[in-house]
All heavy atoms as atom14 arrays in JSON, in Angstrom:
{
  "sequence": "ILVHLELKQHGQDEDLHEFELLAASADVQVLSIVTGSRQRPDAR",
  "atom14_mask": [
    [1, 1, 1, 1, 1, 1, 1, 1, 0, 0, 0, 0, 0, 0],
    [1, 1, 1, 1, 1, 1, 1, 1, 0, 0, 0, 0, 0, 0],
    [1, 1, 1, 1, 1, 1, 1, 0, 0, 0, 0, 0, 0, 0],
    [1, 1, 1, 1, 1, 1, 1, 1, 1, 1, 0, 0, 0, 0],
    [1, 1, 1, 1, 1, 1, 1, 1, 0, 0, 0, 0, 0, 0],
    [1, 1, 1, 1, 1, 1, 1, 1, 1, 0, 0, 0, 0, 0],
    [1, 1, 1, 1, 1, 1, 1, 1, 0, 0, 0, 0, 0, 0],
    [1, 1, 1, 1, 1, 1, 1, 1, 1, 0, 0, 0, 0, 0],
    [1, 1, 1, 1, 1, 1, 1, 1, 1, 0, 0, 0, 0, 0],
    [1, 1, 1, 1, 1, 1, 1, 1, 1, 1, 0, 0, 0, 0],
    [1, 1, 1, 1, 0, 0, 0, 0, 0, 0, 0, 0, 0, 0],
    [1, 1, 1, 1, 1, 1, 1, 1, 1, 0, 0, 0, 0, 0],
    [1, 1, 1, 1, 1, 1, 1, 1, 0, 0, 0, 0, 0, 0],
    [1, 1, 1, 1, 1, 1, 1, 1, 1, 0, 0, 0, 0, 0],
    [1, 1, 1, 1, 1, 1, 1, 1, 0, 0, 0, 0, 0, 0],
    [1, 1, 1, 1, 1, 1, 1, 1, 0, 0, 0, 0, 0, 0],
    [1, 1, 1, 1, 1, 1, 1, 1, 1, 1, 0, 0, 0, 0],
    [1, 1, 1, 1, 1, 1, 1, 1, 1, 0, 0, 0, 0, 0],
    [1, 1, 1, 1, 1, 1, 1, 1, 1, 1, 1, 0, 0, 0],
    [1, 1, 1, 1, 1, 1, 1, 1, 1, 0, 0, 0, 0, 0],
    [1, 1, 1, 1, 1, 1, 1, 1, 0, 0, 0, 0, 0, 0],
    [1, 1, 1, 1, 1, 1, 1, 1, 0, 0, 0, 0, 0, 0],
    [1, 1, 1, 1, 1, 0, 0, 0, 0, 0, 0, 0, 0, 0],
    [1, 1, 1, 1, 1, 0, 0, 0, 0, 0, 0, 0, 0, 0],
    [1, 1, 1, 1, 1, 1, 0, 0, 0, 0, 0, 0, 0, 0],
    [1, 1, 1, 1, 1, 0, 0, 0, 0, 0, 0, 0, 0, 0],
    [1, 1, 1, 1, 1, 1, 1, 1, 0, 0, 0, 0, 0, 0],
    [1, 1, 1, 1, 1, 1, 1, 0, 0, 0, 0, 0, 0, 0],
    [1, 1, 1, 1, 1, 1, 1, 1, 1, 0, 0, 0, 0, 0],
    [1, 1, 1, 1, 1, 1, 1, 0, 0, 0, 0, 0, 0, 0],
    [1, 1, 1, 1, 1, 1, 1, 1, 0, 0, 0, 0, 0, 0],
    [1, 1, 1, 1, 1, 1, 0, 0, 0, 0, 0, 0, 0, 0],
    [1, 1, 1, 1, 1, 1, 1, 1, 0, 0, 0, 0, 0, 0],
    [1, 1, 1, 1, 1, 1, 1, 0, 0, 0, 0, 0, 0, 0],
    [1, 1, 1, 1, 1, 1, 1, 0, 0, 0, 0, 0, 0, 0],
    [1, 1, 1, 1, 0, 0, 0, 0, 0, 0, 0, 0, 0, 0],
    [1, 1, 1, 1, 1, 1, 0, 0, 0, 0, 0, 0, 0, 0],
    [1, 1, 1, 1, 1, 1, 1, 1, 1, 1, 1, 0, 0, 0],
    [1, 1, 1, 1, 1, 1, 1, 1, 1, 0, 0, 0, 0, 0],
    [1, 1, 1, 1, 1, 1, 1, 1, 1, 1, 1, 0, 0, 0],
    [1, 1, 1, 1, 1, 1, 1, 0, 0, 0, 0, 0, 0, 0],
    [1, 1, 1, 1, 1, 1, 1, 1, 0, 0, 0, 0, 0, 0],
    [1, 1, 1, 1, 1, 0, 0, 0, 0, 0, 0, 0, 0, 0],
    [1, 1, 1, 1, 1, 1, 1, 1, 1, 1, 1, 0, 0, 0]
  ],
  "atom14_positions": [
    [[-122.11, -92.69, -84.15], [-121.23, -93.68, -84.78], [-121.34, -94.97, -83.99], [-121.26, -94.96, -82.77], [-119.77, -93.21, -84.79], [-119.64, -91.96, -85.72], [-118.84, -94.31, -85.26], [-118.24, -91.33, -85.69], [0.0, 0.0, 0.0], [0.0, 0.0, 0.0], [0.0, 0.0, 0.0], [0.0, 0.0, 0.0], [0.0, 0.0, 0.0], [0.0, 0.0, 0.0]],
    [[-121.57, -96.07, -84.69], [-121.7, -97.38, -84.07], [-120.36, -98.11, -84.12], [-119.68, -98.06, -85.15], [-122.76, -98.22, -84.74], [-124.16, -97.59, -84.92], [-125.14, -98.63, -85.45], [-124.67, -96.98, -83.65], [0.0, 0.0, 0.0], [0.0, 0.0, 0.0], [0.0, 0.0, 0.0], [0.0, 0.0, 0.0], [0.0, 0.0, 0.0], [0.0, 0.0, 0.0]],
    [[-120.0, -98.81, -83.06], [-118.77, -99.55, -82.98], [-119.12, -101.01, -82.6], [-119.73, -101.24, -81.59], [-117.8, -98.96, -81.96], [-116.51, -99.78, -81.91], [-117.49, -97.49, -82.28], [0.0, 0.0, 0.0], [0.0, 0.0, 0.0], [0.0, 0.0, 0.0], [0.0, 0.0, 0.0], [0.0, 0.0, 0.0], [0.0, 0.0, 0.0], [0.0, 0.0, 0.0]],
    [[-118.64, -101.91, -83.43], [-118.87, -103.32, -83.22], [-117.55, -104.08, -83.46], [-116.97, -104.05, -84.54], [-119.93, -103.86, -84.18], [-120.13, -105.35, -84.13], [-120.91, -105.95, -83.17], [-119.61, -106.34, -84.9], [-120.87, -107.28, -83.39], [-120.09, -107.51, -84.39], [0.0, 0.0, 0.0], [0.0, 0.0, 0.0], [0.0, 0.0, 0.0], [0.0, 0.0, 0.0]],
    [[-117.08, -104.79, -82.45], [-115.86, -105.56, -82.5], [-116.13, -107.04, -82.28], [-116.93, -107.39, -81.42], [-114.85, -105.07, -81.45], [-114.43, -103.59, -81.5], [-113.51, -103.25, -80.36], [-113.82, -103.25, -82.85], [0.0, 0.0, 0.0], [0.0, 0.0, 0.0], [0.0, 0.0, 0.0], [0.0, 0.0, 0.0], [0.0, 0.0, 0.0], [0.0, 0.0, 0.0]],
    [[-115.47, -107.88, -83.03], [-115.52, -109.35, -82.83], [-114.35, -109.72, -81.94], [-113.18, -109.42, -82.25], [-115.41, -110.06, -84.16], [-116.58, -109.78, -85.13], [-117.86, -110.4, -84.66], [-117.81, -111.33, -83.82], [-118.93, -109.97, -85.17], [0.0, 0.0, 0.0], [0.0, 0.0, 0.0], [0.0, 0.0, 0.0], [0.0, 0.0, 0.0], [0.0, 0.0, 0.0]],
    [[-114.67, -110.29, -80.79], [-113.66, -110.73, -79.85], [-113.5, -112.24, -79.91], [-114.35, -112.97, -79.45], [-114.04, -110.3, -78.42], [-114.25, -108.79, -78.23], [-114.66, -108.49, -76.8], [-112.97, -108.02, -78.58], [0.0, 0.0, 0.0], [0.0, 0.0, 0.0], [0.0, 0.0, 0.0], [0.0, 0.0, 0.0], [0.0, 0.0, 0.0], [0.0, 0.0, 0.0]],
    [[-112.4, -112.66, -80.53], [-112.21, -114.1, -80.81], [-112.02, -114.89, -79.54], [-112.69, -115.92, -79.34], [-111.01, -114.26, -81.73], [-111.14, -113.51, -83.08], [-109.89, -113.63, -83.89], [-110.05, -112.82, -85.21], [-108.82, -112.88, -86.02], [0.0, 0.0, 0.0], [0.0, 0.0, 0.0], [0.0, 0.0, 0.0], [0.0, 0.0, 0.0], [0.0, 0.0, 0.0]],
    [[-111.17, -114.44, -78.66], [-110.86, -115.21, -77.47], [-112.03, -115.28, -76.51], [-112.21, -116.3, -75.82], [-109.66, -114.58, -76.74], [-109.19, -115.4, -75.52], [-107.88, -114.88, -74.97], [-106.96, -114.55, -75.73], [-107.74, -114.78, -73.66], [0.0, 0.0, 0.0], [0.0, 0.0, 0.0], [0.0, 0.0, 0.0], [0.0, 0.0, 0.0], [0.0, 0.0, 0.0]],
    [[-112.86, -114.26, -76.47], [-113.99, -114.24, -75.54], [-115.25, -114.79, -76.12], [-116.31, -114.76, -75.48], [-114.21, -112.8, -75.06], [-113.24, -112.35, -74.05], [-113.59, -111.9, -72.8], [-111.89, -112.26, -74.09], [-112.51, -111.55, -72.12], [-111.46, -111.76, -72.87], [0.0, 0.0, 0.0], [0.0, 0.0, 0.0], [0.0, 0.0, 0.0], [0.0, 0.0, 0.0]],
    [[-115.17, -115.3, -77.35], [-116.36, -115.88, -77.97], [-117.51, -114.91, -78.11], [-118.66, -115.19, -77.84], [0.0, 0.0, 0.0], [0.0, 0.0, 0.0], [0.0, 0.0, 0.0], [0.0, 0.0, 0.0], [0.0, 0.0, 0.0], [0.0, 0.0, 0.0], [0.0, 0.0, 0.0], [0.0, 0.0, 0.0], [0.0, 0.0, 0.0], [0.0, 0.0, 0.0]],
    [[-117.17, -113.67, -78.49], [-118.17, -112.59, -78.6], [-119.2, -112.97, -79.64], [-118.88, -113.32, -80.76], [-117.47, -111.28, -78.98], [-118.4, -110.11, -79.17], [-119.09, -109.74, -77.89], [-120.19, -110.24, -77.63], [-118.5, -108.9, -77.1], [0.0, 0.0, 0.0], [0.0, 0.0, 0.0], [0.0, 0.0, 0.0], [0.0, 0.0, 0.0], [0.0, 0.0, 0.0]],
    [[-120.47, -112.91, -79.25], [-121.54, -113.29, -80.16], [-122.58, -112.22, -80.33], [-123.73, -112.5, -80.68], [-122.2, -114.59, -79.7], [-122.85, -114.47, -78.35], [-122.61, -113.47, -77.67], [-123.58, -115.41, -77.98], [0.0, 0.0, 0.0], [0.0, 0.0, 0.0], [0.0, 0.0, 0.0], [0.0, 0.0, 0.0], [0.0, 0.0, 0.0], [0.0, 0.0, 0.0]],
    [[-122.23, -110.96, -80.02], [-123.19, -109.86, -80.26], [-123.47, -109.73, -81.74], [-122.62, -109.94, -82.59], [-122.66, -108.55, -79.7], [-122.41, -108.52, -78.18], [-123.65, -108.59, -77.36], [-124.76, -108.76, -77.91], [-123.53, -108.46, -76.11], [0.0, 0.0, 0.0], [0.0, 0.0, 0.0], [0.0, 0.0, 0.0], [0.0, 0.0, 0.0], [0.0, 0.0, 0.0]],
    [[-124.68, -109.38, -82.05], [-125.12, -109.33, -83.45], [-125.12, -107.87, -83.92], [-125.78, -107.04, -83.33], [-126.52, -109.94, -83.58], [-127.0, -109.96, -85.01], [-126.21, -110.16, -85.91], [-128.2, -109.73, -85.21], [0.0, 0.0, 0.0], [0.0, 0.0, 0.0], [0.0, 0.0, 0.0], [0.0, 0.0, 0.0], [0.0, 0.0, 0.0], [0.0, 0.0, 0.0]],
    [[-124.41, -107.59, -85.0], [-124.35, -106.24, -85.53], [-125.69, -105.78, -86.04], [-126.11, -104.62, -85.81], [-123.29, -106.14, -86.63], [-123.17, -104.78, -87.35], [-122.87, -103.68, -86.35], [-122.09, -104.82, -88.42], [0.0, 0.0, 0.0], [0.0, 0.0, 0.0], [0.0, 0.0, 0.0], [0.0, 0.0, 0.0], [0.0, 0.0, 0.0], [0.0, 0.0, 0.0]],
    [[-126.41, -106.67, -86.73], [-127.73, -106.26, -87.25], [-128.67, -105.89, -86.13], [-129.42, -104.9, -86.22], [-128.29, -107.4, -88.1], [-129.68, -107.12, -88.62], [-129.96, -106.1, -89.53], [-130.9, -107.71, -88.35], [-131.24, -106.06, -89.77], [-131.82, -107.02, -89.09], [0.0, 0.0, 0.0], [0.0, 0.0, 0.0], [0.0, 0.0, 0.0], [0.0, 0.0, 0.0]],
    [[-128.67, -106.66, -85.04], [-129.52, -106.35, -83.9], [-129.1, -105.01, -83.3], [-129.97, -104.24, -82.85], [-129.41, -107.46, -82.88], [-130.29, -107.24, -81.63], [-130.24, -108.37, -80.64], [-130.97, -109.35, -80.83], [-129.43, -108.32, -79.72], [0.0, 0.0, 0.0], [0.0, 0.0, 0.0], [0.0, 0.0, 0.0], [0.0, 0.0, 0.0], [0.0, 0.0, 0.0]],
    [[-127.81, -104.74, -83.26], [-127.32, -103.46, -82.74], [-127.84, -102.31, -83.55], [-128.23, -101.25, -83.05], [-125.8, -103.46, -82.71], [-125.17, -102.29, -82.03], [-125.65, -101.81, -80.82], [-124.08, -101.64, -82.59], [-125.07, -100.75, -80.19], [-123.48, -100.56, -81.95], [-123.97, -100.1, -80.76], [0.0, 0.0, 0.0], [0.0, 0.0, 0.0], [0.0, 0.0, 0.0]],
    [[-127.87, -102.43, -84.9], [-128.43, -101.44, -85.75], [-129.93, -101.22, -85.48], [-130.43, -100.09, -85.48], [-128.22, -101.79, -87.22], [-126.75, -101.79, -87.66], [-126.58, -102.19, -89.09], [-126.93, -101.38, -89.97], [-126.12, -103.32, -89.39], [0.0, 0.0, 0.0], [0.0, 0.0, 0.0], [0.0, 0.0, 0.0], [0.0, 0.0, 0.0], [0.0, 0.0, 0.0]],
    [[-130.64, -102.31, -85.22], [-132.05, -102.2, -84.9], [-132.27, -101.51, -83.57], [-133.21, -100.7, -83.42], [-132.69, -103.59, -84.86], [-132.77, -104.37, -86.22], [-133.36, -105.75, -86.02], [-133.61, -103.55, -87.2], [0.0, 0.0, 0.0], [0.0, 0.0, 0.0], [0.0, 0.0, 0.0], [0.0, 0.0, 0.0], [0.0, 0.0, 0.0], [0.0, 0.0, 0.0]],
    [[-131.39, -101.77, -82.59], [-131.49, -101.05, -81.31], [-131.27, -99.57, -81.51], [-131.99, -98.74, -80.94], [-130.43, -101.6, -80.34], [-130.71, -102.99, -79.69], [-129.5, -103.46, -78.93], [-131.92, -102.89, -78.77], [0.0, 0.0, 0.0], [0.0, 0.0, 0.0], [0.0, 0.0, 0.0], [0.0, 0.0, 0.0], [0.0, 0.0, 0.0], [0.0, 0.0, 0.0]],
    [[-130.3, -99.2, -82.34], [-130.03, -97.8, -82.61], [-131.24, -97.13, -83.32], [-131.62, -96.02, -82.99], [-128.77, -97.66, -83.48], [0.0, 0.0, 0.0], [0.0, 0.0, 0.0], [0.0, 0.0, 0.0], [0.0, 0.0, 0.0], [0.0, 0.0, 0.0], [0.0, 0.0, 0.0], [0.0, 0.0, 0.0], [0.0, 0.0, 0.0], [0.0, 0.0, 0.0]],
    [[-131.85, -97.88, -84.26], [-133.04, -97.34, -84.93], [-134.17, -97.18, -83.96], [-134.97, -96.22, -84.05], [-133.4, -98.27, -86.08], [0.0, 0.0, 0.0], [0.0, 0.0, 0.0], [0.0, 0.0, 0.0], [0.0, 0.0, 0.0], [0.0, 0.0, 0.0], [0.0, 0.0, 0.0], [0.0, 0.0, 0.0], [0.0, 0.0, 0.0], [0.0, 0.0, 0.0]],
    [[-134.31, -98.11, -83.03], [-135.38, -98.04, -82.05], [-135.22, -96.82, -81.12], [-136.18, -96.28, -80.6], [-135.45, -99.32, -81.19], [-136.57, -99.37, -80.37], [0.0, 0.0, 0.0], [0.0, 0.0, 0.0], [0.0, 0.0, 0.0], [0.0, 0.0, 0.0], [0.0, 0.0, 0.0], [0.0, 0.0, 0.0], [0.0, 0.0, 0.0], [0.0, 0.0, 0.0]],
    [[-133.96, -96.39, -80.91], [-133.66, -95.2, -80.12], [-133.73, -93.91, -80.95], [-133.37, -92.86, -80.46], [-132.29, -95.32, -79.46], [0.0, 0.0, 0.0], [0.0, 0.0, 0.0], [0.0, 0.0, 0.0], [0.0, 0.0, 0.0], [0.0, 0.0, 0.0], [0.0, 0.0, 0.0], [0.0, 0.0, 0.0], [0.0, 0.0, 0.0], [0.0, 0.0, 0.0]],
    [[-134.13, -94.04, -82.21], [-134.25, -92.89, -83.13], [-132.9, -92.22, -83.34], [-132.79, -90.98, -83.46], [-135.26, -91.89, -82.62], [-136.67, -92.45, -82.52], [-137.01, -93.24, -83.41], [-137.41, -92.11, -81.59], [0.0, 0.0, 0.0], [0.0, 0.0, 0.0], [0.0, 0.0, 0.0], [0.0, 0.0, 0.0], [0.0, 0.0, 0.0], [0.0, 0.0, 0.0]],
    [[-131.84, -93.04, -83.41], [-130.47, -92.51, -83.65], [-130.24, -92.37, -85.13], [-130.61, -93.24, -85.92], [-129.45, -93.44, -83.01], [-128.04, -93.1, -83.49], [-129.5, -93.35, -81.48], [0.0, 0.0, 0.0], [0.0, 0.0, 0.0], [0.0, 0.0, 0.0], [0.0, 0.0, 0.0], [0.0, 0.0, 0.0], [0.0, 0.0, 0.0], [0.0, 0.0, 0.0]],
    [[-129.56, -91.29, -85.51], [-129.13, -91.11, -86.9], [-127.71, -91.69, -87.01], [-126.75, -91.1, -86.51], [-129.12, -89.62, -87.29], [-128.66, -89.37, -88.73], [-128.57, -87.88, -89.04], [-128.97, -87.04, -88.26], [-128.02, -87.57, -90.19], [0.0, 0.0, 0.0], [0.0, 0.0, 0.0], [0.0, 0.0, 0.0], [0.0, 0.0, 0.0], [0.0, 0.0, 0.0]],
    [[-127.6, -92.83, -87.66], [-126.32, -93.52, -87.76], [-125.47, -92.9, -88.89], [-125.86, -92.92, -90.05], [-126.5, -95.03, -88.02], [-125.15, -95.72, -88.19], [-127.29, -95.68, -86.89], [0.0, 0.0, 0.0], [0.0, 0.0, 0.0], [0.0, 0.0, 0.0], [0.0, 0.0, 0.0], [0.0, 0.0, 0.0], [0.0, 0.0, 0.0], [0.0, 0.0, 0.0]],
    [[-124.33, -92.34, -88.51], [-123.42, -91.69, -89.49], [-122.46, -92.66, -90.08], [-122.13, -92.56, -91.29], [-122.69, -90.53, -88.81], [-123.51, -89.47, -88.13], [-122.61, -88.46, -87.44], [-124.43, -88.76, -89.15], [0.0, 0.0, 0.0], [0.0, 0.0, 0.0], [0.0, 0.0, 0.0], [0.0, 0.0, 0.0], [0.0, 0.0, 0.0], [0.0, 0.0, 0.0]],
    [[-122.01, -93.62, -89.29], [-121.0, -94.57, -89.75], [-120.97, -95.78, -88.79], [-121.36, -95.66, -87.63], [-119.62, -93.93, -89.84], [-118.64, -94.86, -90.25], [0.0, 0.0, 0.0], [0.0, 0.0, 0.0], [0.0, 0.0, 0.0], [0.0, 0.0, 0.0], [0.0, 0.0, 0.0], [0.0, 0.0, 0.0], [0.0, 0.0, 0.0], [0.0, 0.0, 0.0]],
    [[-120.55, -96.9, -89.31], [-120.37, -98.12, -88.5], [-118.92, -98.54, -88.55], [-118.38, -98.81, -89.63], [-121.29, -99.24, -89.0], [-122.77, -98.81, -88.92], [-121.11, -100.5, -88.16], [-123.72, -99.84, -89.5], [0.0, 0.0, 0.0], [0.0, 0.0, 0.0], [0.0, 0.0, 0.0], [0.0, 0.0, 0.0], [0.0, 0.0, 0.0], [0.0, 0.0, 0.0]],
    [[-118.28, -98.61, -87.42], [-116.88, -99.02, -87.32], [-116.82, -100.47, -86.82], [-117.37, -100.78, -85.77], [-116.09, -98.1, -86.39], [-114.64, -98.57, -86.28], [-116.15, -96.66, -86.86], [0.0, 0.0, 0.0], [0.0, 0.0, 0.0], [0.0, 0.0, 0.0], [0.0, 0.0, 0.0], [0.0, 0.0, 0.0], [0.0, 0.0, 0.0], [0.0, 0.0, 0.0]],
    [[-116.18, -101.3, -87.59], [-116.05, -102.72, -87.21], [-114.56, -103.1, -87.07], [-113.69, -102.36, -87.55], [-116.71, -103.65, -88.23], [-116.09, -103.49, -89.51], [-118.19, -103.34, -88.34], [0.0, 0.0, 0.0], [0.0, 0.0, 0.0], [0.0, 0.0, 0.0], [0.0, 0.0, 0.0], [0.0, 0.0, 0.0], [0.0, 0.0, 0.0], [0.0, 0.0, 0.0]],
    [[-114.31, -104.19, -86.45], [-112.96, -104.68, -86.27], [-112.95, -105.97, -85.47], [-114.01, -106.51, -85.11], [0.0, 0.0, 0.0], [0.0, 0.0, 0.0], [0.0, 0.0, 0.0], [0.0, 0.0, 0.0], [0.0, 0.0, 0.0], [0.0, 0.0, 0.0], [0.0, 0.0, 0.0], [0.0, 0.0, 0.0], [0.0, 0.0, 0.0], [0.0, 0.0, 0.0]],
    [[-111.76, -106.47, -85.18], [-111.65, -107.71, -84.4], [-110.42, -107.62, -83.49], [-109.44, -106.96, -83.85], [-111.55, -108.94, -85.32], [-110.39, -108.88, -86.13], [0.0, 0.0, 0.0], [0.0, 0.0, 0.0], [0.0, 0.0, 0.0], [0.0, 0.0, 0.0], [0.0, 0.0, 0.0], [0.0, 0.0, 0.0], [0.0, 0.0, 0.0], [0.0, 0.0, 0.0]],
    [[-110.55, -108.25, -82.35], [-109.43, -108.33, -81.39], [-109.49, -109.69, -80.72], [-110.51, -110.37, -80.71], [-109.61, -107.21, -80.32], [-109.41, -105.83, -80.8], [-109.56, -104.82, -79.6], [-108.6, -105.1, -78.55], [-107.39, -104.62, -78.51], [-106.94, -103.83, -79.47], [-106.58, -104.91, -77.51], [0.0, 0.0, 0.0], [0.0, 0.0, 0.0], [0.0, 0.0, 0.0]],
    [[-108.34, -110.03, -80.13], [-108.32, -111.28, -79.35], [-109.05, -111.1, -78.05], [-109.78, -111.98, -77.62], [-106.85, -111.69, -79.09], [-106.12, -112.22, -80.3], [-106.69, -113.54, -80.81], [-107.12, -114.4, -80.04], [-106.7, -113.69, -82.13], [0.0, 0.0, 0.0], [0.0, 0.0, 0.0], [0.0, 0.0, 0.0], [0.0, 0.0, 0.0], [0.0, 0.0, 0.0]],
    [[-108.87, -109.95, -77.44], [-109.47, -109.64, -76.12], [-109.65, -108.13, -76.01], [-109.0, -107.35, -76.71], [-108.62, -110.17, -74.96], [-107.27, -109.47, -74.9], [-106.45, -110.03, -73.74], [-106.06, -111.43, -74.01], [-104.97, -111.75, -74.7], [-104.18, -110.84, -75.24], [-104.66, -113.03, -74.87], [0.0, 0.0, 0.0], [0.0, 0.0, 0.0], [0.0, 0.0, 0.0]],
    [[-110.58, -107.67, -75.13], [-110.79, -106.23, -74.99], [-109.52, -105.57, -74.39], [-108.85, -106.15, -73.57], [-111.98, -106.13, -74.01], [-112.6, -107.47, -74.01], [-111.53, -108.44, -74.31], [0.0, 0.0, 0.0], [0.0, 0.0, 0.0], [0.0, 0.0, 0.0], [0.0, 0.0, 0.0], [0.0, 0.0, 0.0], [0.0, 0.0, 0.0], [0.0, 0.0, 0.0]],
    [[-109.3, -104.33, -74.84], [-108.23, -103.55, -74.23], [-108.71, -103.05, -72.85], [-109.83, -102.57, -72.69], [-107.94, -102.34, -75.14], [-106.82, -101.47, -74.58], [-105.64, -101.86, -74.7], [-107.15, -100.4, -74.01], [0.0, 0.0, 0.0], [0.0, 0.0, 0.0], [0.0, 0.0, 0.0], [0.0, 0.0, 0.0], [0.0, 0.0, 0.0], [0.0, 0.0, 0.0]],
    [[-107.85, -103.19, -71.87], [-108.21, -102.86, -70.51], [-108.6, -101.4, -70.34], [-109.47, -101.05, -69.58], [-107.11, -103.24, -69.52], [0.0, 0.0, 0.0], [0.0, 0.0, 0.0], [0.0, 0.0, 0.0], [0.0, 0.0, 0.0], [0.0, 0.0, 0.0], [0.0, 0.0, 0.0], [0.0, 0.0, 0.0], [0.0, 0.0, 0.0], [0.0, 0.0, 0.0]],
    [[-107.92, -100.5, -71.08], [-108.13, -99.08, -70.9], [-109.22, -98.51, -71.83], [-110.06, -97.72, -71.43], [-106.82, -98.33, -71.13], [-106.91, -96.81, -70.98], [-105.53, -96.18, -71.03], [-105.65, -94.7, -71.05], [-105.77, -94.0, -72.13], [-105.74, -94.59, -73.34], [-105.86, -92.66, -72.05], [0.0, 0.0, 0.0], [0.0, 0.0, 0.0], [0.0, 0.0, 0.0]]
  ]
}
């Protein structure tokens, strides 16, 4: 399962499409992609 979050306060600029390509390059079978957004990462 892939997890991609947009972090507004931290100016997160990771690319979801590139992340999918990385997973494909590792020969991973992607079951689902979970997305969301937060102001900042949760410490825990």
